[in-house]
Amino acid sequence: MADGVSDTETALLDAALAEVLAHGIRRTTASDIARRAGVSRQTLYRYWPDAQAIFAALVTRELLAVLPASAPEPQSIDDLVALLAGTADSVRRLPLVDRLRDTDPELFARYILDRLGTSQRVIVAETARRLRAGQRAGYVRAGDPERLAAMVLLIAQSAVQSAPLVAEWLPDDAWRAELAAALRGYLGTGAA
């Protein structure tokens, strides 16, 4: 058991991921997840009240797994934007993000447009912490770190969500470079 998550919870989340990747969220039921995990539905319901709750936990787990919480502190604006753009790129490349975008666009949009979830709150808090450190070191512009972090979240979410739309002009390397440039312009000490 790691980080307070039981082996059964991990198995259920792994099974949910496999089912969602295979069939999409709309076509995945609690019974499908329990069957794939080799447990009863009643066991699943001990951890989550319904399939929507396990999907929310799954999205949170997958997003938090790519956050660079243990990465060294950036020493410059270039280090910081490389970390932020790299993290956004990792989110963009998550198989779950691709699957949600392709098979469940309304649900994908809900997680981006209508619902401020656990993972987004963690992302803002972690980003604000790094921005605060950058302000103390003098390479991040003045401003409320939480507000700056919230805007970074909006910029990154938009870039992740719309990446396939602009792939013709922004293939992978260019996408990451342009996102870094946008973040550098927004966060650098020359920004207003």
N, C-alpha and C. Protein backbone atom coordinates (compact mmCIF):
# COMPACT_ATOMS: atom_id res chain seq x y z
N MET A 1 0.85 -1.17 0.00
CA MET A 1 0.00 0.00 0.00
C MET A 1 0.89 1.24 0.00
N ALA A 2 0.75 2.08 -1.03
CA ALA A 2 1.55 3.29 -1.15
C ALA A 2 0.65 4.51 -1.08
N ASP A 3 1.10 5.54 -0.35
CA ASP A 3 0.37 6.80 -0.26
C ASP A 3 -1.08 6.60 0.19
N GLY A 4 -1.33 5.64 1.06
CA GLY A 4 -2.68 5.43 1.57
C GLY A 4 -3.62 4.77 0.59
N VAL A 5 -3.13 4.27 -0.52
CA VAL A 5 -3.98 3.62 -1.52
C VAL A 5 -3.76 2.12 -1.42
N SER A 6 -4.85 1.39 -1.21
CA SER A 6 -4.75 -0.07 -1.05
C SER A 6 -4.48 -0.73 -2.40
N ASP A 7 -4.03 -1.97 -2.33
CA ASP A 7 -3.83 -2.76 -3.55
C ASP A 7 -5.14 -2.91 -4.32
N THR A 8 -6.25 -3.06 -3.58
CA THR A 8 -7.54 -3.21 -4.24
C THR A 8 -7.93 -1.93 -4.97
N GLU A 9 -7.72 -0.78 -4.34
CA GLU A 9 -8.01 0.49 -5.01
C GLU A 9 -7.17 0.64 -6.28
N THR A 10 -5.89 0.31 -6.17
CA THR A 10 -5.00 0.40 -7.32
C THR A 10 -5.48 -0.53 -8.43
N ALA A 11 -5.84 -1.75 -8.06
CA ALA A 11 -6.33 -2.71 -9.06
C ALA A 11 -7.61 -2.21 -9.72
N LEU A 12 -8.49 -1.60 -8.95
CA LEU A 12 -9.74 -1.08 -9.51
C LEU A 12 -9.46 0.11 -10.44
N LEU A 13 -8.57 0.99 -10.05
CA LEU A 13 -8.23 2.12 -10.91
C LEU A 13 -7.52 1.65 -12.18
N ASP A 14 -6.64 0.66 -12.05
CA ASP A 14 -5.98 0.10 -13.23
C ASP A 14 -7.02 -0.54 -14.16
N ALA A 15 -7.98 -1.25 -13.57
CA ALA A 15 -9.03 -1.87 -14.38
C ALA A 15 -9.90 -0.80 -15.04
N ALA A 16 -10.20 0.27 -14.31
CA ALA A 16 -10.99 1.36 -14.89
C ALA A 16 -10.24 1.99 -16.06
N LEU A 17 -8.95 2.19 -15.91
CA LEU A 17 -8.16 2.75 -17.00
C LEU A 17 -8.20 1.83 -18.22
N ALA A 18 -7.99 0.55 -18.01
CA ALA A 18 -8.01 -0.40 -19.13
C ALA A 18 -9.37 -0.40 -19.83
N GLU A 19 -10.44 -0.38 -19.05
CA GLU A 19 -11.79 -0.37 -19.64
C GLU A 19 -12.06 0.92 -20.41
N VAL A 20 -11.69 2.05 -19.83
CA VAL A 20 -11.92 3.33 -20.49
C VAL A 20 -11.11 3.42 -21.78
N LEU A 21 -9.85 2.97 -21.73
CA LEU A 21 -9.04 3.00 -22.95
C LEU A 21 -9.61 2.09 -24.02
N ALA A 22 -10.19 0.97 -23.60
CA ALA A 22 -10.75 0.02 -24.56
C ALA A 22 -12.12 0.46 -25.09
N HIS A 23 -12.95 1.06 -24.22
CA HIS A 23 -14.34 1.29 -24.59
C HIS A 23 -14.85 2.72 -24.42
N GLY A 24 -14.08 3.58 -23.78
CA GLY A 24 -14.56 4.93 -23.46
C GLY A 24 -15.35 4.91 -22.17
N ILE A 25 -15.54 6.07 -21.60
CA ILE A 25 -16.24 6.15 -20.31
C ILE A 25 -17.70 5.79 -20.44
N ARG A 26 -18.36 6.27 -21.46
CA ARG A 26 -19.80 6.01 -21.59
C ARG A 26 -20.14 4.52 -21.68
N ARG A 27 -19.24 3.75 -22.24
CA ARG A 27 -19.53 2.32 -22.42
C ARG A 27 -18.89 1.47 -21.33
N THR A 28 -18.36 2.11 -20.29
CA THR A 28 -17.74 1.37 -19.19
C THR A 28 -18.64 1.46 -17.97
N THR A 29 -18.93 0.31 -17.38
CA THR A 29 -19.78 0.27 -16.20
C THR A 29 -18.97 -0.18 -14.99
N ALA A 30 -19.56 0.00 -13.82
CA ALA A 30 -18.94 -0.48 -12.60
C ALA A 30 -18.73 -1.99 -12.67
N SER A 31 -19.67 -2.69 -13.26
CA SER A 31 -19.55 -4.15 -13.41
C SER A 31 -18.34 -4.51 -14.28
N ASP A 32 -18.14 -3.76 -15.37
CA ASP A 32 -16.98 -4.01 -16.23
C ASP A 32 -15.67 -3.82 -15.47
N ILE A 33 -15.61 -2.77 -14.68
CA ILE A 33 -14.40 -2.47 -13.92
C ILE A 33 -14.15 -3.56 -12.88
N ALA A 34 -15.18 -3.91 -12.15
CA ALA A 34 -15.03 -4.94 -11.11
C ALA A 34 -14.62 -6.27 -11.73
N ARG A 35 -15.24 -6.63 -12.83
CA ARG A 35 -14.91 -7.89 -13.51
C ARG A 35 -13.44 -7.90 -13.93
N ARG A 36 -12.99 -6.81 -14.55
CA ARG A 36 -11.60 -6.74 -15.00
C ARG A 36 -10.63 -6.79 -13.82
N ALA A 37 -11.02 -6.21 -12.70
CA ALA A 37 -10.16 -6.20 -11.51
C ALA A 37 -10.22 -7.52 -10.75
N GLY A 38 -11.20 -8.36 -11.09
CA GLY A 38 -11.33 -9.64 -10.41
C GLY A 38 -11.96 -9.54 -9.03
N VAL A 39 -12.83 -8.52 -8.86
CA VAL A 39 -13.52 -8.34 -7.58
C VAL A 39 -15.02 -8.20 -7.86
N SER A 40 -15.79 -8.21 -6.80
CA SER A 40 -17.23 -8.02 -6.96
C SER A 40 -17.56 -6.54 -7.06
N ARG A 41 -18.74 -6.25 -7.58
CA ARG A 41 -19.21 -4.86 -7.62
C ARG A 41 -19.31 -4.30 -6.21
N GLN A 42 -19.71 -5.12 -5.27
CA GLN A 42 -19.83 -4.66 -3.89
C GLN A 42 -18.47 -4.19 -3.35
N THR A 43 -17.41 -4.87 -3.77
CA THR A 43 -16.07 -4.44 -3.36
C THR A 43 -15.76 -3.07 -3.95
N LEU A 44 -16.07 -2.88 -5.21
CA LEU A 44 -15.85 -1.57 -5.83
C LEU A 44 -16.62 -0.50 -5.07
N TYR A 45 -17.86 -0.81 -4.68
CA TYR A 45 -18.70 0.19 -4.00
C TYR A 45 -18.21 0.49 -2.59
N ARG A 46 -17.32 -0.31 -2.05
CA ARG A 46 -16.71 0.03 -0.75
C ARG A 46 -15.76 1.21 -0.90
N TYR A 47 -15.25 1.41 -2.09
CA TYR A 47 -14.28 2.48 -2.33
C TYR A 47 -14.91 3.70 -3.01
N TRP A 48 -15.86 3.47 -3.92
CA TRP A 48 -16.49 4.56 -4.65
C TRP A 48 -17.99 4.29 -4.73
N PRO A 49 -18.81 5.34 -4.66
CA PRO A 49 -20.26 5.14 -4.66
C PRO A 49 -20.84 4.75 -6.01
N ASP A 50 -20.12 5.09 -7.10
CA ASP A 50 -20.63 4.79 -8.43
C ASP A 50 -19.50 4.89 -9.45
N ALA A 51 -19.81 4.58 -10.69
CA ALA A 51 -18.80 4.60 -11.75
C ALA A 51 -18.26 6.01 -11.96
N GLN A 52 -19.09 7.03 -11.86
CA GLN A 52 -18.61 8.41 -12.05
C GLN A 52 -17.54 8.77 -11.03
N ALA A 53 -17.71 8.32 -9.80
CA ALA A 53 -16.72 8.61 -8.76
C ALA A 53 -15.39 7.92 -9.06
N ILE A 54 -15.45 6.69 -9.57
CA ILE A 54 -14.18 6.02 -9.91
C ILE A 54 -13.54 6.71 -11.12
N PHE A 55 -14.33 7.19 -12.07
CA PHE A 55 -13.75 7.90 -13.21
C PHE A 55 -13.06 9.18 -12.75
N ALA A 56 -13.69 9.90 -11.82
CA ALA A 56 -13.07 11.12 -11.28
C ALA A 56 -11.76 10.78 -10.58
N ALA A 57 -11.76 9.70 -9.80
CA ALA A 57 -10.53 9.27 -9.12
C ALA A 57 -9.47 8.86 -10.12
N LEU A 58 -9.88 8.22 -11.19
CA LEU A 58 -8.94 7.80 -12.23
C LEU A 58 -8.30 9.01 -12.91
N VAL A 59 -9.11 9.98 -13.31
CA VAL A 59 -8.56 11.17 -13.95
C VAL A 59 -7.59 11.88 -13.01
N THR A 60 -7.97 12.00 -11.75
CA THR A 60 -7.09 12.63 -10.76
C THR A 60 -5.78 11.86 -10.65
N ARG A 61 -5.85 10.55 -10.53
CA ARG A 61 -4.63 9.75 -10.41
C ARG A 61 -3.72 9.93 -11.61
N GLU A 62 -4.29 9.86 -12.81
CA GLU A 62 -3.48 9.94 -14.02
C GLU A 62 -2.84 11.32 -14.16
N LEU A 63 -3.58 12.38 -13.85
CA LEU A 63 -3.03 13.72 -13.97
C LEU A 63 -1.96 13.99 -12.91
N LEU A 64 -2.22 13.58 -11.69
CA LEU A 64 -1.25 13.82 -10.62
C LEU A 64 0.03 13.02 -10.83
N ALA A 65 -0.08 11.89 -11.52
CA ALA A 65 1.10 11.06 -11.75
C ALA A 65 2.14 11.75 -12.64
N VAL A 66 1.72 12.68 -13.47
CA VAL A 66 2.67 13.34 -14.36
C VAL A 66 3.20 14.66 -13.79
N LEU A 67 2.69 15.07 -12.63
CA LEU A 67 3.20 16.31 -12.03
C LEU A 67 4.62 16.09 -11.53
N PRO A 68 5.49 17.04 -11.79
CA PRO A 68 6.89 16.90 -11.41
C PRO A 68 7.16 17.38 -9.98
N ALA A 69 6.41 16.87 -9.01
CA ALA A 69 6.52 17.35 -7.63
C ALA A 69 7.94 17.21 -7.08
N SER A 70 8.67 16.20 -7.49
CA SER A 70 10.01 15.99 -6.96
C SER A 70 11.10 16.57 -7.87
N ALA A 71 10.71 17.29 -8.91
CA ALA A 71 11.70 17.90 -9.81
C ALA A 71 12.46 18.98 -9.05
N PRO A 72 13.72 19.17 -9.39
CA PRO A 72 14.48 20.23 -8.72
C PRO A 72 13.85 21.60 -8.96
N GLU A 73 14.07 22.49 -8.02
CA GLU A 73 13.53 23.84 -8.17
C GLU A 73 14.18 24.52 -9.37
N PRO A 74 13.38 25.14 -10.23
CA PRO A 74 13.95 25.89 -11.35
C PRO A 74 14.86 27.01 -10.84
N GLN A 75 15.90 27.29 -11.61
CA GLN A 75 16.84 28.34 -11.23
C GLN A 75 16.72 29.58 -12.11
N SER A 76 15.86 29.50 -13.12
CA SER A 76 15.68 30.61 -14.06
C SER A 76 14.29 30.52 -14.67
N ILE A 77 13.90 31.59 -15.35
CA ILE A 77 12.61 31.58 -16.05
C ILE A 77 12.60 30.48 -17.11
N ASP A 78 13.75 30.26 -17.76
CA ASP A 78 13.82 29.21 -18.78
C ASP A 78 13.61 27.83 -18.16
N ASP A 79 14.20 27.59 -16.98
CA ASP A 79 13.99 26.32 -16.28
C ASP A 79 12.51 26.15 -15.92
N LEU A 80 11.91 27.23 -15.41
CA LEU A 80 10.51 27.17 -14.98
C LEU A 80 9.58 26.88 -16.16
N VAL A 81 9.74 27.62 -17.25
CA VAL A 81 8.82 27.40 -18.38
C VAL A 81 9.07 26.04 -19.03
N ALA A 82 10.31 25.56 -19.00
CA ALA A 82 10.57 24.21 -19.51
C ALA A 82 9.84 23.18 -18.66
N LEU A 83 9.84 23.36 -17.34
CA LEU A 83 9.13 22.45 -16.44
C LEU A 83 7.62 22.52 -16.69
N LEU A 84 7.08 23.72 -16.80
CA LEU A 84 5.64 23.87 -17.01
C LEU A 84 5.20 23.32 -18.37
N ALA A 85 5.95 23.68 -19.42
CA ALA A 85 5.60 23.19 -20.76
C ALA A 85 5.79 21.68 -20.86
N GLY A 86 6.82 21.17 -20.22
CA GLY A 86 7.05 19.72 -20.21
C GLY A 86 5.93 18.97 -19.50
N THR A 87 5.46 19.55 -18.40
CA THR A 87 4.35 18.93 -17.67
C THR A 87 3.08 18.94 -18.53
N ALA A 88 2.80 20.07 -19.17
CA ALA A 88 1.63 20.15 -20.05
C ALA A 88 1.74 19.14 -21.18
N ASP A 89 2.95 18.98 -21.71
CA ASP A 89 3.17 18.01 -22.78
C ASP A 89 2.92 16.58 -22.27
N SER A 90 3.34 16.30 -21.04
CA SER A 90 3.08 14.98 -20.46
C SER A 90 1.58 14.72 -20.31
N VAL A 91 0.84 15.75 -19.89
CA VAL A 91 -0.62 15.61 -19.79
C VAL A 91 -1.21 15.40 -21.17
N ARG A 92 -0.75 16.16 -22.14
CA ARG A 92 -1.26 16.05 -23.52
C ARG A 92 -1.07 14.65 -24.07
N ARG A 93 0.01 13.99 -23.67
CA ARG A 93 0.34 12.66 -24.19
C ARG A 93 -0.29 11.50 -23.41
N LEU A 94 -1.00 11.81 -22.33
CA LEU A 94 -1.64 10.74 -21.57
C LEU A 94 -2.66 10.00 -22.43
N PRO A 95 -2.58 8.68 -22.48
CA PRO A 95 -3.58 7.93 -23.26
C PRO A 95 -5.02 8.23 -22.81
N LEU A 96 -5.22 8.46 -21.52
CA LEU A 96 -6.56 8.77 -21.03
C LEU A 96 -7.07 10.08 -21.60
N VAL A 97 -6.22 11.08 -21.72
CA VAL A 97 -6.63 12.37 -22.28
C VAL A 97 -7.04 12.18 -23.74
N ASP A 98 -6.23 11.45 -24.50
CA ASP A 98 -6.59 11.18 -25.90
C ASP A 98 -7.93 10.46 -26.00
N ARG A 99 -8.11 9.46 -25.16
CA ARG A 99 -9.35 8.67 -25.22
C ARG A 99 -10.56 9.51 -24.86
N LEU A 100 -10.44 10.33 -23.81
CA LEU A 100 -11.56 11.20 -23.44
C LEU A 100 -11.87 12.19 -24.55
N ARG A 101 -10.85 12.75 -25.14
CA ARG A 101 -11.05 13.72 -26.22
C ARG A 101 -11.75 13.06 -27.41
N ASP A 102 -11.35 11.81 -27.72
CA ASP A 102 -11.88 11.12 -28.89
C ASP A 102 -13.27 10.52 -28.69
N THR A 103 -13.49 9.89 -27.53
CA THR A 103 -14.74 9.14 -27.35
C THR A 103 -15.76 9.83 -26.45
N ASP A 104 -15.30 10.75 -25.61
CA ASP A 104 -16.20 11.38 -24.64
C ASP A 104 -15.93 12.88 -24.57
N PRO A 105 -16.07 13.58 -25.71
CA PRO A 105 -15.71 15.00 -25.72
C PRO A 105 -16.52 15.86 -24.74
N GLU A 106 -17.78 15.49 -24.49
CA GLU A 106 -18.57 16.28 -23.55
C GLU A 106 -18.02 16.12 -22.14
N LEU A 107 -17.65 14.92 -21.78
CA LEU A 107 -17.06 14.70 -20.46
C LEU A 107 -15.71 15.38 -20.36
N PHE A 108 -14.91 15.27 -21.42
CA PHE A 108 -13.61 15.93 -21.46
C PHE A 108 -13.79 17.43 -21.25
N ALA A 109 -14.76 18.01 -21.95
CA ALA A 109 -15.02 19.45 -21.81
C ALA A 109 -15.47 19.78 -20.40
N ARG A 110 -16.26 18.91 -19.78
CA ARG A 110 -16.72 19.17 -18.41
C ARG A 110 -15.54 19.27 -17.46
N TYR A 111 -14.55 18.38 -17.63
CA TYR A 111 -13.37 18.42 -16.76
C TYR A 111 -12.52 19.66 -17.03
N ILE A 112 -12.62 20.23 -18.21
CA ILE A 112 -11.82 21.40 -18.56
C ILE A 112 -12.61 22.69 -18.31
N LEU A 113 -13.90 22.70 -18.62
CA LEU A 113 -14.66 23.95 -18.62
C LEU A 113 -15.56 24.16 -17.41
N ASP A 114 -16.10 23.10 -16.84
CA ASP A 114 -17.14 23.26 -15.82
C ASP A 114 -16.76 22.81 -14.43
N ARG A 115 -15.74 22.04 -14.29
CA ARG A 115 -15.47 21.39 -13.01
C ARG A 115 -14.04 21.68 -12.59
N LEU A 116 -13.89 22.31 -11.42
CA LEU A 116 -12.58 22.51 -10.85
C LEU A 116 -12.34 21.33 -9.91
N GLY A 117 -11.51 20.41 -10.35
CA GLY A 117 -11.33 19.18 -9.61
C GLY A 117 -10.08 19.16 -8.75
N THR A 118 -9.91 18.04 -8.08
CA THR A 118 -8.77 17.85 -7.19
C THR A 118 -7.46 18.06 -7.91
N SER A 119 -7.32 17.48 -9.09
CA SER A 119 -6.04 17.59 -9.81
C SER A 119 -5.76 19.05 -10.18
N GLN A 120 -6.76 19.79 -10.59
CA GLN A 120 -6.55 21.19 -10.95
C GLN A 120 -6.14 22.01 -9.72
N ARG A 121 -6.75 21.72 -8.58
CA ARG A 121 -6.38 22.43 -7.35
C ARG A 121 -4.93 22.11 -6.96
N VAL A 122 -4.53 20.87 -7.11
CA VAL A 122 -3.15 20.49 -6.81
C VAL A 122 -2.20 21.17 -7.78
N ILE A 123 -2.55 21.20 -9.05
CA ILE A 123 -1.71 21.85 -10.06
C ILE A 123 -1.54 23.33 -9.74
N VAL A 124 -2.61 24.01 -9.40
CA VAL A 124 -2.51 25.44 -9.07
C VAL A 124 -1.65 25.64 -7.83
N ALA A 125 -1.85 24.83 -6.81
CA ALA A 125 -1.06 24.97 -5.58
C ALA A 125 0.43 24.74 -5.84
N GLU A 126 0.75 23.70 -6.59
CA GLU A 126 2.14 23.38 -6.89
C GLU A 126 2.76 24.46 -7.79
N THR A 127 2.01 24.94 -8.76
CA THR A 127 2.51 26.00 -9.63
C THR A 127 2.72 27.28 -8.83
N ALA A 128 1.79 27.63 -7.97
CA ALA A 128 1.92 28.83 -7.14
C ALA A 128 3.17 28.73 -6.25
N ARG A 129 3.42 27.56 -5.72
CA ARG A 129 4.61 27.36 -4.89
C ARG A 129 5.87 27.64 -5.71
N ARG A 130 5.93 27.12 -6.91
CA ARG A 130 7.10 27.34 -7.76
C ARG A 130 7.20 28.80 -8.22
N LEU A 131 6.06 29.43 -8.47
CA LEU A 131 6.07 30.84 -8.86
C LEU A 131 6.55 31.72 -7.71
N ARG A 132 6.09 31.41 -6.52
CA ARG A 132 6.53 32.15 -5.33
C ARG A 132 8.06 32.07 -5.19
N ALA A 133 8.61 30.87 -5.37
CA ALA A 133 10.07 30.70 -5.31
C ALA A 133 10.75 31.50 -6.41
N GLY A 134 10.15 31.52 -7.60
CA GLY A 134 10.70 32.30 -8.71
C GLY A 134 10.64 33.80 -8.45
N GLN A 135 9.59 34.24 -7.77
CA GLN A 135 9.50 35.65 -7.40
C GLN A 135 10.60 36.01 -6.40
N ARG A 136 10.81 35.15 -5.42
CA ARG A 136 11.88 35.41 -4.43
C ARG A 136 13.25 35.45 -5.11
N ALA A 137 13.44 34.60 -6.12
CA ALA A 137 14.72 34.56 -6.83
C ALA A 137 14.83 35.67 -7.88
N GLY A 138 13.72 36.34 -8.18
CA GLY A 138 13.76 37.49 -9.07
C GLY A 138 13.52 37.20 -10.55
N TYR A 139 13.14 35.98 -10.91
CA TYR A 139 12.93 35.71 -12.33
C TYR A 139 11.46 35.56 -12.72
N VAL A 140 10.53 35.63 -11.76
CA VAL A 140 9.10 35.63 -12.04
C VAL A 140 8.55 37.00 -11.65
N ARG A 141 7.72 37.56 -12.50
CA ARG A 141 7.18 38.90 -12.27
C ARG A 141 6.35 38.95 -10.98
N ALA A 142 6.16 40.15 -10.50
CA ALA A 142 5.35 40.38 -9.31
C ALA A 142 3.89 40.04 -9.62
N GLY A 143 3.17 39.72 -8.58
CA GLY A 143 1.75 39.41 -8.69
C GLY A 143 1.39 38.30 -7.73
N ASP A 144 0.12 38.16 -7.46
CA ASP A 144 -0.34 37.12 -6.56
C ASP A 144 -0.04 35.76 -7.18
N PRO A 145 0.77 34.92 -6.52
CA PRO A 145 1.16 33.64 -7.12
C PRO A 145 -0.02 32.72 -7.47
N GLU A 146 -1.09 32.76 -6.65
CA GLU A 146 -2.25 31.92 -6.95
C GLU A 146 -2.96 32.40 -8.21
N ARG A 147 -3.04 33.71 -8.39
CA ARG A 147 -3.67 34.24 -9.60
C ARG A 147 -2.84 33.91 -10.84
N LEU A 148 -1.53 34.10 -10.71
CA LEU A 148 -0.65 33.74 -11.83
C LEU A 148 -0.77 32.25 -12.14
N ALA A 149 -0.79 31.42 -11.10
CA ALA A 149 -0.89 29.97 -11.29
C ALA A 149 -2.22 29.59 -11.94
N ALA A 150 -3.30 30.27 -11.55
CA ALA A 150 -4.60 29.98 -12.16
C ALA A 150 -4.57 30.29 -13.65
N MET A 151 -3.92 31.39 -14.03
CA MET A 151 -3.83 31.73 -15.46
C MET A 151 -2.93 30.74 -16.19
N VAL A 152 -1.85 30.30 -15.55
CA VAL A 152 -1.00 29.27 -16.15
C VAL A 152 -1.83 28.01 -16.40
N LEU A 153 -2.69 27.64 -15.44
CA LEU A 153 -3.56 26.48 -15.63
C LEU A 153 -4.46 26.69 -16.84
N LEU A 154 -5.07 27.86 -16.97
CA LEU A 154 -5.95 28.12 -18.11
C LEU A 154 -5.19 28.05 -19.42
N ILE A 155 -4.01 28.64 -19.47
CA ILE A 155 -3.20 28.62 -20.69
C ILE A 155 -2.84 27.18 -21.05
N ALA A 156 -2.36 26.43 -20.07
CA ALA A 156 -1.92 25.06 -20.33
C ALA A 156 -3.10 24.16 -20.70
N GLN A 157 -4.22 24.28 -19.98
CA GLN A 157 -5.40 23.47 -20.31
C GLN A 157 -5.86 23.74 -21.73
N SER A 158 -5.91 24.99 -22.10
CA SER A 158 -6.33 25.35 -23.45
C SER A 158 -5.39 24.75 -24.48
N ALA A 159 -4.10 24.85 -24.22
CA ALA A 159 -3.11 24.31 -25.15
C ALA A 159 -3.23 22.79 -25.26
N VAL A 160 -3.45 22.12 -24.14
CA VAL A 160 -3.60 20.66 -24.16
C VAL A 160 -4.88 20.27 -24.89
N GLN A 161 -5.96 20.92 -24.53
CA GLN A 161 -7.26 20.58 -25.12
C GLN A 161 -7.28 20.78 -26.63
N SER A 162 -6.67 21.85 -27.10
CA SER A 162 -6.76 22.20 -28.51
C SER A 162 -5.57 21.75 -29.35
N ALA A 163 -4.62 21.06 -28.77
CA ALA A 163 -3.42 20.65 -29.50
C ALA A 163 -3.73 19.92 -30.81
N PRO A 164 -4.65 18.94 -30.83
CA PRO A 164 -4.92 18.26 -32.11
C PRO A 164 -5.48 19.20 -33.18
N LEU A 165 -6.20 20.20 -32.75
CA LEU A 165 -6.81 21.16 -33.68
C LEU A 165 -5.77 21.92 -34.48
N VAL A 166 -4.62 22.20 -33.85
CA VAL A 166 -3.60 23.02 -34.51
C VAL A 166 -2.34 22.22 -34.86
N ALA A 167 -2.44 20.91 -34.85
CA ALA A 167 -1.27 20.06 -35.12
C ALA A 167 -0.66 20.33 -36.50
N GLU A 168 -1.47 20.77 -37.44
CA GLU A 168 -0.98 21.11 -38.78
C GLU A 168 0.11 22.19 -38.70
N TRP A 169 -0.08 23.15 -37.82
CA TRP A 169 0.87 24.26 -37.67
C TRP A 169 1.84 24.05 -36.52
N LEU A 170 1.40 23.29 -35.53
CA LEU A 170 2.22 23.09 -34.34
C LEU A 170 2.43 21.59 -34.07
N PRO A 171 3.33 20.96 -34.82
CA PRO A 171 3.66 19.58 -34.47
C PRO A 171 4.28 19.56 -33.06
N ASP A 172 4.49 18.39 -32.54
CA ASP A 172 4.87 18.22 -31.13
C ASP A 172 5.93 19.19 -30.62
N ASP A 173 7.08 19.25 -31.25
CA ASP A 173 8.16 20.11 -30.77
C ASP A 173 7.78 21.58 -30.83
N ALA A 174 7.11 21.98 -31.89
CA ALA A 174 6.70 23.37 -32.03
C ALA A 174 5.63 23.73 -31.00
N TRP A 175 4.73 22.81 -30.74
CA TRP A 175 3.68 23.03 -29.73
C TRP A 175 4.32 23.34 -28.38
N ARG A 176 5.25 22.51 -28.01
CA ARG A 176 5.91 22.69 -26.71
C ARG A 176 6.71 24.00 -26.69
N ALA A 177 7.42 24.32 -27.75
CA ALA A 177 8.21 25.55 -27.81
C ALA A 177 7.31 26.79 -27.74
N GLU A 178 6.20 26.77 -28.45
CA GLU A 178 5.30 27.93 -28.45
C GLU A 178 4.60 28.09 -27.10
N LEU A 179 4.24 26.98 -26.46
CA LEU A 179 3.65 27.07 -25.13
C LEU A 179 4.68 27.67 -24.16
N ALA A 180 5.92 27.21 -24.25
CA ALA A 180 6.98 27.76 -23.40
C ALA A 180 7.15 29.25 -23.65
N ALA A 181 7.10 29.68 -24.89
CA ALA A 181 7.24 31.11 -25.21
C ALA A 181 6.08 31.92 -24.61
N ALA A 182 4.87 31.38 -24.70
CA ALA A 182 3.72 32.06 -24.13
C ALA A 182 3.86 32.19 -22.61
N LEU A 183 4.28 31.11 -21.96
CA LEU A 183 4.45 31.14 -20.52
C LEU A 183 5.60 32.06 -20.11
N ARG A 184 6.68 32.04 -20.86
CA ARG A 184 7.82 32.93 -20.58
C ARG A 184 7.37 34.39 -20.67
N GLY A 185 6.62 34.72 -21.71
CA GLY A 185 6.12 36.08 -21.87
C GLY A 185 5.18 36.49 -20.75
N TYR A 186 4.37 35.58 -20.28
CA TYR A 186 3.41 35.88 -19.23
C TYR A 186 4.08 36.00 -17.86
N LEU A 187 5.03 35.12 -17.59
CA LEU A 187 5.60 35.04 -16.24
C LEU A 187 6.90 35.80 -16.04
N GLY A 188 7.60 36.09 -17.11
CA GLY A 188 8.91 36.74 -16.99
C GLY A 188 8.83 38.12 -16.37
N THR A 189 9.92 38.61 -15.86
CA THR A 189 9.94 39.89 -15.18
C THR A 189 9.69 41.06 -16.12
N GLY A 190 9.79 40.84 -17.43
CA GLY A 190 9.46 41.90 -18.38
C GLY A 190 7.98 41.98 -18.68
N ALA A 191 7.18 41.01 -18.16
CA ALA A 191 5.74 40.98 -18.42
C ALA A 191 5.02 42.03 -17.57
N ALA A 192 3.89 42.48 -18.06
CA ALA A 192 3.12 43.49 -17.31
C ALA A 192 2.14 42.83 -16.37
